[in-house]
Protein backbone atom coordinates (compact mmCIF):
# COMPACT_ATOMS: atom_id res chain seq x y z
CA MET A 1 -11.82 14.08 -65.07
CA ASN A 2 -10.42 10.71 -65.09
CA PRO A 3 -6.81 10.86 -66.65
CA ASP A 4 -5.93 8.09 -68.96
CA MET A 5 -3.16 6.05 -67.37
CA ARG A 6 -2.66 3.59 -70.28
CA VAL A 7 0.86 3.61 -71.94
CA THR A 8 1.58 1.53 -75.18
CA ILE A 9 5.24 0.47 -75.45
CA ALA A 10 6.19 -1.22 -78.69
CA GLY A 11 2.55 -2.21 -79.64
CA VAL A 12 2.20 -3.54 -76.08
CA GLU A 13 -0.57 -1.63 -73.84
CA PHE A 14 -0.14 -1.46 -70.12
CA LYS A 15 -3.01 -0.24 -67.82
CA ASN A 16 -0.90 2.12 -66.09
CA PRO A 17 2.77 3.23 -66.37
CA VAL A 18 4.18 1.57 -63.25
CA VAL A 19 6.13 -1.98 -63.66
CA THR A 20 8.08 -3.68 -61.10
CA ALA A 21 12.06 -3.67 -61.55
CA SER A 22 13.77 -6.89 -62.34
CA GLY A 23 15.63 -8.37 -59.30
CA THR A 24 13.32 -6.79 -56.54
CA PHE A 25 10.23 -8.52 -57.18
CA GLY A 26 11.13 -12.07 -57.40
CA PHE A 27 8.27 -13.74 -59.40
CA GLY A 28 5.70 -12.04 -57.41
CA ARG A 29 4.29 -14.66 -55.03
CA GLU A 30 5.59 -12.74 -52.02
CA TYR A 31 4.20 -9.62 -52.99
CA GLY A 32 0.90 -11.06 -54.06
CA GLU A 33 0.09 -11.57 -50.29
CA PHE A 34 -0.06 -8.04 -49.92
CA TYR A 35 -2.25 -6.87 -52.99
CA ASP A 36 -3.59 -8.19 -56.17
CA LEU A 37 -0.84 -8.08 -58.77
CA SER A 38 -3.50 -7.09 -61.38
CA GLU A 39 -3.11 -3.78 -60.03
CA LEU A 40 0.26 -3.14 -61.68
CA GLY A 41 0.94 -2.18 -65.14
CA GLY A 42 3.53 -5.03 -65.50
CA ILE A 43 5.85 -7.30 -63.49
CA CYS A 44 9.38 -7.55 -64.71
CA VAL A 45 10.54 -10.80 -63.09
CA LYS A 46 13.97 -11.63 -61.46
CA GLY A 47 16.72 -12.27 -63.97
CA LEU A 48 16.89 -15.62 -65.66
CA THR A 49 19.80 -17.50 -66.94
CA PRO A 50 19.98 -20.90 -68.93
CA LEU A 51 20.85 -22.86 -66.03
CA PRO A 52 19.86 -22.49 -62.49
CA ARG A 53 22.36 -20.25 -60.43
CA LEU A 54 22.90 -20.46 -56.75
CA GLY A 55 24.31 -16.85 -56.97
CA ASN A 56 27.42 -15.33 -54.81
CA ALA A 57 28.52 -16.08 -51.40
CA THR A 58 27.12 -14.07 -48.63
CA PRO A 59 26.99 -11.56 -47.25
CA ARG A 60 25.71 -9.90 -50.68
CA VAL A 61 23.21 -7.25 -49.66
CA ALA A 62 24.22 -4.31 -47.47
CA GLU A 63 22.32 -1.13 -46.59
CA THR A 64 23.98 2.13 -47.48
CA PRO A 65 22.72 5.79 -46.84
CA SER A 66 19.82 6.33 -49.18
CA GLY A 67 20.09 2.99 -50.68
CA MET A 68 21.64 -0.57 -50.90
CA LEU A 69 24.45 -2.42 -52.39
CA ASN A 70 23.67 -5.97 -53.77
CA ALA A 71 25.97 -8.50 -55.20
CA VAL A 72 23.35 -11.33 -55.12
CA GLY A 73 24.76 -12.78 -58.31
CA LEU A 74 21.69 -13.66 -60.39
CA GLN A 75 20.56 -16.52 -58.19
CA ASN A 76 17.48 -17.97 -59.98
CA PRO A 77 16.10 -21.51 -61.02
CA GLY A 78 16.87 -21.20 -64.75
CA VAL A 79 14.62 -20.39 -67.55
CA ASP A 80 13.06 -23.74 -68.13
CA ALA A 81 11.97 -23.90 -64.36
CA PHE A 82 10.66 -20.50 -64.66
CA ILE A 83 8.56 -21.32 -67.82
CA ALA A 84 7.33 -24.45 -66.10
CA ASN A 85 6.53 -23.55 -62.55
CA GLU A 86 6.32 -19.36 -62.35
CA LEU A 87 4.97 -18.25 -65.54
CA PRO A 88 1.53 -20.05 -65.09
CA ASN A 89 1.06 -18.47 -62.00
CA LEU A 90 1.69 -14.96 -63.21
CA ARG A 91 -0.59 -15.47 -66.13
CA LYS A 92 -3.40 -15.65 -63.56
CA PHE A 93 -3.15 -12.13 -63.09
CA ASP A 94 -4.48 -9.33 -65.66
CA THR A 95 -0.93 -7.64 -65.98
CA ARG A 96 1.94 -7.75 -68.54
CA VAL A 97 4.71 -10.03 -67.82
CA ILE A 98 8.13 -9.06 -68.82
CA ALA A 99 10.99 -11.80 -68.52
CA ASN A 100 14.41 -10.41 -67.93
CA ILE A 101 17.40 -12.47 -69.13
CA SER A 102 21.14 -12.66 -68.71
CA GLY A 103 23.50 -14.93 -70.98
CA GLY A 104 27.38 -15.43 -70.98
CA THR A 105 27.28 -15.73 -74.86
CA VAL A 106 25.24 -13.88 -77.44
CA ALA A 107 23.84 -17.46 -78.62
CA GLU A 108 22.49 -17.98 -74.96
CA TYR A 109 20.56 -14.72 -75.25
CA GLY A 110 19.13 -16.00 -78.37
CA GLU A 111 18.14 -19.30 -77.05
CA MET A 112 16.15 -17.73 -74.48
CA CYS A 113 14.46 -15.38 -76.31
CA GLU A 114 13.40 -18.21 -78.42
CA LYS A 115 11.97 -20.16 -75.43
CA LEU A 116 10.48 -17.35 -73.70
CA SER A 117 8.51 -15.81 -76.46
CA ALA A 118 7.24 -19.23 -77.50
CA ALA A 119 6.12 -19.58 -73.67
CA GLY A 120 3.88 -16.30 -73.86
CA VAL A 121 5.74 -13.71 -71.94
CA ASP A 122 4.79 -10.01 -73.31
CA MET A 123 8.01 -8.51 -73.52
CA ILE A 124 11.71 -9.65 -73.06
CA GLU A 125 14.15 -7.53 -71.24
CA LEU A 126 17.99 -8.06 -71.96
CA ASN A 127 20.31 -7.61 -69.03
CA VAL A 128 23.57 -6.58 -70.75
CA SER A 129 25.25 -5.75 -67.68
CA CYS A 130 26.73 -9.12 -67.60
CA PRO A 131 30.20 -10.61 -68.30
CA ASN A 132 30.64 -12.01 -71.97
CA VAL A 133 32.55 -15.13 -71.16
CA LYS A 134 34.03 -15.07 -74.66
CA ALA A 135 35.38 -11.44 -74.28
CA GLY A 136 37.46 -12.10 -71.18
CA GLY A 137 34.56 -11.03 -68.89
CA LEU A 138 33.74 -7.72 -70.65
CA HIS A 139 30.25 -6.61 -70.06
CA PHE A 140 27.93 -6.84 -72.84
CA GLY A 141 26.65 -3.37 -72.40
CA THR A 142 29.74 -1.56 -72.18
CA SER A 143 30.54 -1.28 -75.66
CA THR A 144 28.42 -0.64 -78.69
CA GLU A 145 29.55 -3.61 -80.87
CA SER A 146 28.86 -6.22 -78.24
CA VAL A 147 25.53 -4.71 -77.21
CA SER A 148 24.56 -4.48 -80.89
CA SER A 149 25.42 -8.36 -81.41
CA VAL A 150 23.17 -9.21 -78.42
CA VAL A 151 20.28 -7.08 -79.66
CA ARG A 152 20.54 -8.40 -83.26
CA GLU A 153 20.54 -12.12 -82.01
CA ALA A 154 17.50 -11.27 -79.85
CA LYS A 155 15.45 -9.77 -82.28
CA MET A 156 16.12 -12.63 -84.84
CA ARG A 157 15.02 -15.27 -82.19
CA SER A 158 12.15 -13.50 -80.36
CA THR A 159 8.45 -13.13 -81.52
CA VAL A 160 7.81 -10.32 -78.64
CA PRO A 161 9.29 -6.84 -78.35
CA ILE A 162 12.81 -6.52 -76.93
CA ILE A 163 13.80 -4.12 -74.13
CA VAL A 164 17.45 -3.57 -73.16
CA LYS A 165 18.42 -2.73 -69.79
CA LEU A 166 21.20 -0.10 -70.17
CA SER A 167 24.25 0.07 -67.72
CA PRO A 168 25.26 3.35 -66.48
CA ASN A 169 28.84 2.37 -65.90
CA VAL A 170 29.68 3.37 -69.38
CA THR A 171 31.25 6.68 -70.90
CA SER A 172 28.57 7.61 -72.93
CA ILE A 173 25.11 6.32 -72.32
CA ALA A 174 23.80 8.23 -75.59
CA ASP A 175 25.96 6.23 -77.79
CA ILE A 176 25.20 2.50 -76.33
CA ALA A 177 21.20 3.75 -76.57
CA ARG A 178 21.82 4.60 -80.25
CA ALA A 179 23.48 1.47 -81.07
CA CYS A 180 20.49 -0.43 -79.21
CA GLU A 181 17.97 1.33 -81.48
CA ASP A 182 20.11 1.03 -84.45
CA SER A 183 20.21 -2.80 -84.13
CA GLY A 184 16.45 -3.15 -83.73
CA ALA A 185 15.72 -2.75 -79.91
CA ASP A 186 11.96 -2.01 -79.36
CA ALA A 187 12.55 -0.21 -76.07
CA LEU A 188 15.22 0.67 -73.58
CA SER A 189 15.20 0.55 -69.57
CA LEU A 190 17.62 2.33 -67.28
CA ILE A 191 19.24 2.80 -65.41
CA ASN A 192 20.60 -0.68 -63.84
CA THR A 193 22.61 -0.19 -60.61
CA ILE A 194 25.93 1.88 -60.32
CA LEU A 195 28.78 -0.16 -59.17
CA GLY A 196 29.75 0.79 -55.53
CA MET A 197 31.73 -0.85 -52.42
CA ARG A 198 31.62 -0.39 -48.67
CA ILE A 199 34.30 -1.37 -46.44
CA ASP A 200 34.03 -2.43 -42.79
CA THR A 201 36.50 -0.33 -40.79
CA ARG A 202 36.57 -2.74 -37.83
CA THR A 203 37.72 -5.72 -40.04
CA ARG A 204 39.12 -3.74 -42.91
CA ARG A 205 37.39 -6.12 -45.16
CA PRO A 206 34.51 -5.32 -47.73
CA VAL A 207 31.10 -5.58 -46.41
CA LEU A 208 30.09 -7.80 -49.48
CA ALA A 209 31.78 -11.16 -50.06
CA ASN A 210 31.97 -10.17 -53.64
CA ASN A 211 33.70 -7.03 -52.61
CA VAL A 212 32.03 -4.73 -54.95
CA GLY A 213 27.87 -4.53 -55.60
CA GLY A 214 25.44 -2.81 -57.51
CA LEU A 215 24.07 0.55 -55.79
CA SER A 216 20.41 1.10 -55.93
CA GLY A 217 17.84 3.31 -54.17
CA PRO A 218 17.21 6.99 -53.66
CA ALA A 219 20.92 7.64 -53.85
CA ILE A 220 21.10 7.23 -57.49
CA PHE A 221 17.85 8.92 -58.56
CA PRO A 222 19.52 12.09 -59.97
CA VAL A 223 21.87 10.08 -61.84
CA ALA A 224 19.01 8.05 -63.38
CA VAL A 225 17.04 11.22 -64.22
CA ARG A 226 20.09 12.76 -65.89
CA MET A 227 20.85 9.35 -68.04
CA VAL A 228 17.08 9.16 -68.97
CA TRP A 229 17.21 12.73 -70.28
CA GLN A 230 20.30 12.02 -72.21
CA THR A 231 19.01 8.91 -73.71
CA ARG A 232 15.58 10.42 -74.73
CA CYS A 233 17.69 13.39 -76.62
CA ALA A 234 19.62 10.48 -78.24
CA VAL A 235 16.92 7.99 -79.43
CA ARG A 236 13.04 7.88 -80.47
CA ILE A 237 12.13 4.49 -79.14
CA PRO A 238 10.15 4.15 -75.80
CA ILE A 239 12.20 4.32 -72.36
CA ILE A 240 11.13 2.78 -69.20
CA GLY A 241 12.87 4.92 -66.38
CA MET A 242 14.27 3.49 -63.35
CA GLY A 243 16.63 3.90 -60.43
CA GLY A 244 15.67 5.08 -57.11
CA ILE A 245 11.85 5.96 -57.69
CA ALA A 246 10.19 5.79 -54.27
CA THR A 247 7.16 8.44 -54.84
CA GLY A 248 4.94 9.74 -57.36
CA ASP A 249 6.71 12.85 -57.71
CA ASN A 250 9.68 10.94 -58.37
CA ALA A 251 8.03 8.78 -61.16
CA VAL A 252 6.55 12.36 -62.58
CA GLU A 253 10.18 13.67 -62.45
CA MET A 254 11.59 10.45 -64.65
CA LEU A 255 8.67 10.93 -67.04
CA LEU A 256 9.46 14.61 -67.62
CA ALA A 257 12.88 13.69 -68.36
CA GLY A 258 11.93 11.35 -71.31
CA ALA A 259 10.77 8.20 -69.95
CA ASN A 260 7.38 6.62 -71.29
CA MET A 261 7.03 4.22 -68.20
CA VAL A 262 8.57 3.91 -64.95
CA ALA A 263 9.84 0.76 -62.95
CA VAL A 264 9.79 0.65 -59.02
CA GLY A 265 12.68 -1.59 -57.62
CA THR A 266 14.31 -1.09 -54.06
CA ALA A 267 11.48 1.11 -52.70
CA SER A 268 9.66 -2.34 -52.53
CA PHE A 269 11.91 -3.76 -50.12
CA VAL A 270 11.14 -0.96 -47.83
CA ASP A 271 7.51 -0.71 -48.66
CA PRO A 272 5.73 -3.71 -50.51
CA LEU A 273 2.82 -1.04 -51.55
CA ALA A 274 5.54 1.07 -53.16
CA PRO A 275 4.68 0.45 -56.86
CA LEU A 276 0.96 1.24 -56.15
CA LYS A 277 1.55 4.47 -54.20
CA VAL A 278 3.87 5.50 -57.19
CA ARG A 279 1.04 4.57 -59.46
CA ASP A 280 -1.55 6.61 -57.15
CA GLY A 281 0.94 9.70 -56.92
CA ILE A 282 1.19 9.96 -60.86
CA GLU A 283 -2.47 9.87 -61.07
CA LYS A 284 -2.88 12.57 -58.44
CA TYR A 285 -0.51 14.89 -60.41
CA LEU A 286 -2.40 14.52 -63.51
CA ARG A 287 -5.69 15.64 -61.58
CA GLN A 288 -4.18 18.29 -60.01
CA ASN A 289 -2.53 19.88 -63.28
CA GLU A 290 -5.62 18.90 -65.28
CA ILE A 291 -3.57 16.66 -67.59
CA GLY A 292 -5.64 14.33 -69.47
CA SER A 293 -2.97 11.48 -70.23
CA VAL A 294 0.18 10.18 -68.59
CA SER A 295 1.67 10.04 -72.23
CA GLU A 296 1.57 13.99 -72.34
CA LEU A 297 4.44 14.07 -69.52
CA CYS A 298 6.96 12.36 -71.75
CA GLY A 299 10.08 14.40 -72.40
CA GLY A 300 7.96 17.59 -70.81
CA VAL A 301 10.94 19.28 -68.99
CA LEU A 302 11.27 22.77 -69.55
CA LEU A 303 15.14 23.34 -69.91
CA ASN A 304 17.06 26.43 -68.52
């Protein structure tokens, strides 16, 4: 039996349930030297901003037990350069392209949605874990009101489905998820990185120039599974689960918690072939358990 690995999210069909997580795959050029990117279900590109950004000062990446901290600071060439120079290359591959965007105002999100949907990306992922410059630096994704305003603007300006990438650094992930769904979001992705910090005991200074950074990798996997489960209990729209997935079994666990698809991020730094190994691991699980479609796993956890 050949299990059906296809997944449909907000009307967009993916050949398999594995996509790359934004911020860990660049625009695919480097990983394309290791394998044909057409094998992926989709590519979520590095976060884009209205104008080019150089990012934060170095050091801005540090290894931690079972993970890594990063404070790259959204270094990217800007949305216009992406459309002109990177999107044509990505379109050479038979895979879905998801653009991740970050703005400092609600209007900036809307403007980027308009440009990217017109340029022909398949979906747009809103990074709401970034400061709202008109709200004193408060992150868009930490309040129901601010995240709702971004989602409504994005939906009004985009012609492709909108995914909202949720921050784990909130009191209630379920409340934020419901606010996104009520405002028209087509899907959710979670979790983004967890805020963390390391200190060099010899110098007594933080190891990152930015002092704090986002923790990712296997260390956050149990938190991600819990939050995906809580979110699935709160909303009906599709969920892309992420956060520490490194194996096919990890991915199956995330799907059982309530995800429809999964994204592989930090694992690709350790092994460039990680997304394909995760895909193959899911398929192996389906075969071993005589499950006809990967979609049957979604939310299949048997609670105690």
